[in-house]
N, C-alpha and C. Protein backbone atom coordinates (compact mmCIF):
# COMPACT_ATOMS: atom_id res chain seq x y z
N MET A 1 87.75 98.62 86.94
CA MET A 1 88.59 98.00 86.18
C MET A 1 88.19 96.49 86.53
N ARG A 2 88.58 95.24 84.98
CA ARG A 2 88.04 94.42 84.73
C ARG A 2 89.11 93.62 86.16
N ILE A 3 89.08 92.50 86.83
CA ILE A 3 90.06 91.41 87.33
C ILE A 3 91.19 91.33 87.19
N GLY A 4 91.84 91.80 85.48
CA GLY A 4 93.14 90.88 85.29
C GLY A 4 93.88 92.33 85.75
N ASP A 5 93.46 93.14 85.39
CA ASP A 5 94.09 95.05 85.61
C ASP A 5 93.65 95.18 86.91
N ALA A 6 92.73 94.70 87.75
CA ALA A 6 93.29 95.20 89.49
C ALA A 6 93.65 94.21 90.04
N ALA A 7 93.55 92.88 89.58
CA ALA A 7 94.75 91.55 90.01
C ALA A 7 96.70 92.66 89.83
N ALA A 8 96.75 93.02 88.51
CA ALA A 8 98.03 93.38 88.43
C ALA A 8 98.17 94.72 89.26
N ALA A 9 97.23 95.29 89.35
CA ALA A 9 97.41 97.05 89.94
C ALA A 9 97.50 96.01 91.90
N ALA A 10 97.35 95.61 92.23
CA ALA A 10 97.83 95.27 93.98
C ALA A 10 98.60 93.53 94.02
N GLY A 11 99.25 93.60 92.38
CA GLY A 11 100.94 92.68 92.63
C GLY A 11 99.75 90.85 93.08
N THR A 12 98.50 90.82 91.89
CA THR A 12 98.39 89.35 92.49
C THR A 12 97.57 88.64 91.81
N THR A 13 97.28 87.67 91.59
CA THR A 13 96.50 86.84 90.40
C THR A 13 94.89 87.27 90.14
N PRO A 14 94.11 87.13 89.14
CA PRO A 14 92.82 86.94 88.93
C PRO A 14 92.39 85.43 89.60
N ARG A 15 93.33 84.62 89.71
CA ARG A 15 92.62 83.63 91.36
C ARG A 15 92.70 84.03 92.79
N ALA A 16 93.92 84.70 92.99
CA ALA A 16 93.71 85.09 93.30
C ALA A 16 92.68 85.82 94.33
N LEU A 17 92.62 86.63 93.65
CA LEU A 17 91.05 87.39 93.58
C LEU A 17 89.54 86.76 93.61
N ARG A 18 89.24 85.80 93.12
CA ARG A 18 88.15 84.72 93.61
C ARG A 18 88.13 84.21 95.02
N PHE A 19 89.82 83.84 94.88
CA PHE A 19 89.93 83.11 96.04
C PHE A 19 89.66 83.72 97.40
N TYR A 20 90.36 85.00 97.82
CA TYR A 20 89.94 86.25 98.57
C TYR A 20 88.27 86.73 98.90
N GLU A 21 87.48 86.53 97.54
CA GLU A 21 86.03 86.80 97.06
C GLU A 21 85.50 85.83 98.16
N GLU A 22 86.01 84.06 97.65
CA GLU A 22 85.31 83.54 97.97
C GLU A 22 85.48 82.94 99.84
N ARG A 23 86.58 83.80 100.77
CA ARG A 23 86.46 83.15 101.25
C ARG A 23 86.92 84.41 102.39
N GLY A 24 85.51 85.88 101.84
CA GLY A 24 85.60 86.34 102.63
C GLY A 24 86.07 88.10 102.80
N LEU A 25 87.13 87.72 102.12
CA LEU A 25 88.35 89.40 102.36
C LEU A 25 88.06 90.12 101.41
N LEU A 26 87.07 89.45 100.43
CA LEU A 26 86.95 90.96 99.38
C LEU A 26 85.25 91.04 99.18
N ALA A 27 84.66 91.51 99.15
CA ALA A 27 83.15 91.51 98.92
C ALA A 27 83.09 90.75 97.77
N PRO A 28 81.81 90.48 96.94
CA PRO A 28 81.51 90.47 95.78
C PRO A 28 81.31 91.80 94.89
N PRO A 29 81.96 91.99 94.05
CA PRO A 29 82.71 93.19 93.34
C PRO A 29 81.44 93.54 92.23
N ALA A 30 80.59 95.05 91.97
CA ALA A 30 79.69 95.03 90.88
C ALA A 30 80.81 94.06 90.05
N ARG A 31 79.30 93.95 88.83
CA ARG A 31 79.44 93.08 87.92
C ARG A 31 78.83 94.22 86.70
N THR A 32 79.34 94.24 85.09
CA THR A 32 78.60 95.20 84.70
C THR A 32 78.08 93.91 83.74
N ALA A 33 77.87 95.02 82.52
CA ALA A 33 75.89 94.79 81.87
C ALA A 33 76.92 92.85 81.76
N SER A 34 77.81 92.61 81.03
CA SER A 34 78.19 91.24 80.31
C SER A 34 78.06 90.42 81.46
N GLY A 35 77.99 90.49 82.69
CA GLY A 35 78.37 89.85 83.89
C GLY A 35 80.17 89.65 84.54
N GLN A 36 80.57 91.40 83.93
CA GLN A 36 82.33 90.65 84.12
C GLN A 36 82.48 91.52 85.63
N ARG A 37 83.44 91.14 86.43
CA ARG A 37 83.57 91.40 87.88
C ARG A 37 84.25 92.81 87.70
N ASP A 38 83.62 94.07 88.32
CA ASP A 38 84.50 95.54 87.70
C ASP A 38 84.48 96.17 89.11
N TYR A 39 86.03 96.42 89.39
CA TYR A 39 86.59 96.84 90.43
C TYR A 39 87.08 97.83 90.96
N GLY A 40 86.46 98.84 91.46
CA GLY A 40 87.38 100.49 92.02
C GLY A 40 88.69 99.96 92.49
N PRO A 41 89.00 101.19 92.41
CA PRO A 41 90.30 101.78 93.90
C PRO A 41 90.00 101.17 94.85
N ALA A 42 88.56 101.10 95.53
CA ALA A 42 88.58 101.30 97.24
C ALA A 42 88.99 99.48 97.25
N GLU A 43 88.56 98.43 96.61
CA GLU A 43 88.51 97.33 96.21
C GLU A 43 90.64 97.06 95.71
N VAL A 44 90.31 98.01 95.18
CA VAL A 44 92.54 97.21 94.71
C VAL A 44 93.42 98.06 96.28
N ALA A 45 92.47 98.77 96.69
CA ALA A 45 93.57 99.23 97.96
C ALA A 45 92.73 98.18 99.00
N ARG A 46 91.74 97.40 98.81
CA ARG A 46 91.82 96.60 100.13
C ARG A 46 92.50 95.10 99.61
N LEU A 47 92.36 95.23 98.57
CA LEU A 47 93.83 93.74 97.76
C LEU A 47 95.20 94.05 98.46
N ARG A 48 95.50 95.43 98.39
CA ARG A 48 97.15 95.73 98.44
C ARG A 48 96.86 95.40 100.28
N VAL A 49 96.45 96.09 100.98
CA VAL A 49 96.62 96.06 102.15
C VAL A 49 96.36 93.92 102.96
N ILE A 50 95.28 93.49 101.81
CA ILE A 50 95.06 91.42 102.35
C ILE A 50 96.73 91.60 101.95
N ARG A 51 96.90 91.86 100.16
CA ARG A 51 98.59 91.52 100.47
C ARG A 51 99.50 91.32 101.50
N GLU A 52 99.97 92.88 101.80
CA GLU A 52 100.50 92.65 102.43
C GLU A 52 100.33 91.90 104.17
N LEU A 53 99.01 92.31 104.65
CA LEU A 53 98.93 91.38 105.35
C LEU A 53 99.62 89.75 105.80
N LEU A 54 99.38 89.29 104.66
CA LEU A 54 100.15 87.50 104.51
C LEU A 54 100.93 88.22 103.80
N ALA A 55 101.48 88.91 103.36
CA ALA A 55 102.94 89.29 103.34
C ALA A 55 103.99 89.23 104.83
N LEU A 56 102.63 90.07 105.56
CA LEU A 56 104.03 90.01 107.62
C LEU A 56 103.59 88.25 108.02
N GLY A 57 102.91 87.37 106.82
CA GLY A 57 103.02 86.26 107.84
C GLY A 57 101.36 85.39 108.08
N LEU A 58 100.61 86.66 108.49
CA LEU A 58 99.45 86.46 109.16
C LEU A 58 98.62 85.40 107.68
N THR A 59 97.89 84.33 108.10
CA THR A 59 97.27 83.93 106.75
C THR A 59 95.44 84.24 106.59
N VAL A 60 95.44 83.92 105.69
CA VAL A 60 93.88 83.74 105.12
C VAL A 60 92.63 83.76 106.43
N GLU A 61 92.83 82.85 106.87
CA GLU A 61 92.34 82.58 107.95
C GLU A 61 92.20 82.93 109.01
N ASP A 62 93.07 84.00 109.46
CA ASP A 62 93.91 85.61 110.76
C ASP A 62 93.42 86.24 109.73
N LEU A 63 93.40 86.62 108.73
CA LEU A 63 92.23 87.93 107.50
C LEU A 63 90.31 87.82 108.21
N ARG A 64 90.47 86.54 107.95
CA ARG A 64 88.26 86.16 107.49
C ARG A 64 88.18 86.67 109.65
N ALA A 65 89.09 86.56 110.44
CA ALA A 65 88.77 87.64 112.05
C ALA A 65 88.49 88.54 111.70
N PHE A 66 89.27 89.58 111.24
CA PHE A 66 88.43 90.88 110.91
C PHE A 66 88.38 91.78 109.81
N ALA A 67 88.19 90.41 108.95
CA ALA A 67 87.53 91.12 107.77
C ALA A 67 86.60 92.20 107.50
N ASP A 68 85.84 92.10 108.69
CA ASP A 68 84.82 93.70 108.20
C ASP A 68 85.68 95.12 108.77
N ARG A 69 86.87 94.97 109.18
CA ARG A 69 87.47 96.26 109.34
C ARG A 69 89.30 96.37 108.60
N LEU A 70 89.19 95.37 107.24
CA LEU A 70 90.35 95.46 106.33
C LEU A 70 90.16 96.67 105.30
N HIS A 71 89.36 97.21 105.46
CA HIS A 71 88.93 98.80 104.74
C HIS A 71 89.56 99.85 105.83
N LEU A 72 89.36 99.55 107.12
CA LEU A 72 90.57 100.76 107.19
C LEU A 72 91.93 100.69 107.43
N LEU A 73 92.21 99.62 107.60
CA LEU A 73 93.49 99.84 106.90
C LEU A 73 94.27 100.51 104.95
N ALA A 74 92.87 100.00 104.38
CA ALA A 74 93.01 100.88 103.20
C ALA A 74 93.78 102.40 102.61
N GLN A 75 91.99 102.70 104.30
CA GLN A 75 92.24 104.71 103.63
C GLN A 75 93.58 105.38 103.86
N ASP A 76 93.81 106.27 104.00
CA ASP A 76 94.60 107.02 103.97
C ASP A 76 95.04 108.26 104.77
N PRO A 77 94.85 108.23 105.61
CA PRO A 77 96.37 107.34 105.78
C PRO A 77 95.29 106.12 107.11
N PRO A 78 95.75 105.63 107.23
CA PRO A 78 95.81 104.10 107.35
C PRO A 78 95.28 103.79 109.05
N ARG A 79 94.01 103.80 109.14
CA ARG A 79 93.87 103.77 110.66
C ARG A 79 93.95 102.68 111.30
N ARG A 80 93.78 102.40 112.50
CA ARG A 80 93.86 101.21 113.15
C ARG A 80 92.67 99.85 112.70
N CYS A 81 92.30 99.03 113.24
CA CYS A 81 91.51 98.19 112.72
C CYS A 81 90.78 97.55 113.62
N GLY A 82 92.06 97.62 115.38
CA GLY A 82 91.68 96.13 115.68
C GLY A 82 91.90 97.58 116.94
N SER A 83 91.44 96.87 118.55
CA SER A 83 91.40 97.37 119.55
C SER A 83 93.37 96.97 120.67
N THR A 84 93.43 97.14 120.96
CA THR A 84 94.08 97.13 122.63
C THR A 84 93.97 96.49 123.60
N GLU A 85 92.62 96.46 123.53
CA GLU A 85 91.83 95.27 124.92
C GLU A 85 92.43 94.81 125.05
N PRO A 86 92.81 93.40 125.54
CA PRO A 86 92.74 92.37 126.18
C PRO A 86 91.85 91.91 125.16
N GLY A 87 92.28 90.74 124.64
CA GLY A 87 90.50 89.73 124.02
C GLY A 87 90.14 90.12 122.82
N ALA A 88 90.16 91.58 122.42
CA ALA A 88 89.72 91.79 121.02
C ALA A 88 90.64 91.03 120.31
N THR A 89 88.84 90.68 118.99
CA THR A 89 90.05 89.65 118.16
C THR A 89 90.91 89.96 116.96
N THR A 90 91.44 91.74 116.62
CA THR A 90 92.02 91.81 116.12
C THR A 90 93.69 91.44 116.76
N SER A 91 93.74 91.95 117.90
CA SER A 91 94.77 91.74 119.13
C SER A 91 95.08 90.77 119.41
N ALA A 92 94.05 89.59 119.60
CA ALA A 92 94.26 88.47 119.80
C ALA A 92 94.90 87.45 118.37
N VAL A 93 95.03 87.81 117.47
CA VAL A 93 94.70 87.14 116.20
C VAL A 93 96.50 87.81 115.61
N VAL A 94 96.17 88.71 116.10
CA VAL A 94 97.96 89.12 115.78
C VAL A 94 98.94 88.43 116.88
N HIS A 95 98.67 88.68 118.18
CA HIS A 95 98.93 87.76 119.63
C HIS A 95 99.72 86.54 119.51
N GLN A 96 98.18 86.14 118.64
CA GLN A 96 99.23 84.27 118.31
C GLN A 96 99.57 83.47 117.17
N ARG A 97 99.15 85.26 116.18
CA ARG A 97 100.63 84.58 114.66
C ARG A 97 101.64 85.20 115.41
N LEU A 98 102.08 86.44 115.66
CA LEU A 98 103.00 86.39 117.06
C LEU A 98 104.18 85.48 117.68
N ALA A 99 102.99 84.25 118.14
CA ALA A 99 103.19 83.56 119.27
C ALA A 99 104.11 82.40 119.50
N ALA A 100 103.37 82.23 117.56
CA ALA A 100 103.60 81.12 117.08
C ALA A 100 104.92 81.34 115.67
N LEU A 101 104.86 82.42 115.55
CA LEU A 101 106.27 82.80 114.73
C LEU A 101 107.26 82.32 115.96
N ASP A 102 107.46 83.27 117.08
CA ASP A 102 108.15 82.98 117.88
C ASP A 102 108.61 81.21 118.27
N ALA A 103 107.89 80.43 117.93
CA ALA A 103 107.58 79.59 118.53
C ALA A 103 108.14 78.40 117.43
N GLU A 104 108.20 79.33 115.60
CA GLU A 104 109.11 78.71 114.81
C GLU A 104 109.87 78.81 114.44
N ILE A 105 110.32 80.49 115.08
CA ILE A 105 112.11 80.59 115.12
C ILE A 105 112.76 80.22 116.64
N ALA A 106 112.12 79.83 118.02
CA ALA A 106 112.84 78.62 118.37
C ALA A 106 113.46 77.35 117.92
N ARG A 107 112.70 77.05 117.25
CA ARG A 107 112.47 75.49 116.92
C ARG A 107 113.36 75.65 115.54
N LEU A 108 113.46 76.23 114.98
CA LEU A 108 114.51 76.45 113.53
C LEU A 108 116.23 77.08 114.34
N THR A 109 115.59 77.73 115.38
CA THR A 109 117.30 77.89 115.89
C THR A 109 117.66 77.14 116.49
N GLU A 110 116.85 75.85 118.04
CA GLU A 110 117.27 75.02 118.16
C GLU A 110 117.79 73.79 116.91
N LEU A 111 116.69 74.04 116.48
CA LEU A 111 117.85 73.29 114.89
C LEU A 111 119.16 73.29 114.40
N ARG A 112 119.21 74.46 113.95
CA ARG A 112 120.20 74.94 113.66
C ARG A 112 121.58 75.25 114.17
N SER A 113 121.49 74.52 115.26
CA SER A 113 122.46 74.96 116.86
C SER A 113 122.71 73.10 116.87
N ARG A 114 121.60 72.49 116.61
CA ARG A 114 121.78 71.04 116.61
C ARG A 114 122.80 70.75 115.59
N LEU A 115 122.57 71.17 114.28
CA LEU A 115 123.27 70.95 112.41
C LEU A 115 124.77 71.61 112.93
N ALA A 116 124.79 72.80 113.23
CA ALA A 116 126.14 73.16 113.83
C ALA A 116 126.92 72.68 115.18
N ARG A 117 126.23 71.72 115.72
CA ARG A 117 127.11 70.87 116.80
C ARG A 117 127.34 69.57 116.07
N GLN A 118 127.03 69.24 114.89
CA GLN A 118 126.50 67.72 114.62
C GLN A 118 128.26 67.48 112.82
N ALA A 119 128.45 68.66 112.23
CA ALA A 119 128.80 69.68 111.74
C ALA A 119 130.38 70.04 112.11
N GLY A 120 130.47 70.13 113.52
CA GLY A 120 131.23 70.67 114.08
C GLY A 120 132.02 69.52 115.22
N ALA A 121 130.99 68.33 115.10
CA ALA A 121 132.16 66.31 115.13
C ALA A 121 132.63 65.93 114.73
N GLU A 122 132.03 66.60 113.22
CA GLU A 122 132.52 65.40 112.78
C GLU A 122 133.88 66.64 111.62
N ALA A 123 133.73 67.51 111.77
CA ALA A 123 134.48 68.22 111.02
C ALA A 123 136.18 67.66 112.30
N ALA A 124 135.59 67.64 113.55
CA ALA A 124 136.69 67.27 114.62
C ALA A 124 137.11 65.34 114.63
N SER A 125 135.42 64.78 113.63
CA SER A 125 137.15 63.59 114.10
C SER A 125 137.93 63.49 112.48
N LYS A 126 137.58 63.96 111.72
CA LYS A 126 138.02 64.17 110.68
C LYS A 126 139.42 63.97 110.86
């Protein structure tokens, strides 16, 4: 299928497919005789995995660390693409992202508390 059809099937845009290819998340697809990209079901499944992982908060750079194993998540049923052993690349990337999310949640929680205290102080002074 052509790039527009593959993008639509994966819920993204042709531009995103080109970007994922440039960043090494998606192998360069086969080309038609006229030079157009030609995607198959395996590429669309991989694109869906990429989109799902990005939606979970991982970044493109995070995914690059284990791009060679993304195909495992595209299988039916999905297989683990990483080791649970400390120091394993996939595990380390996920744990780093979880730590970053926890830090951001803590920062936002503190910001919310400060704002609520400020709003309460203003309401009490009126």
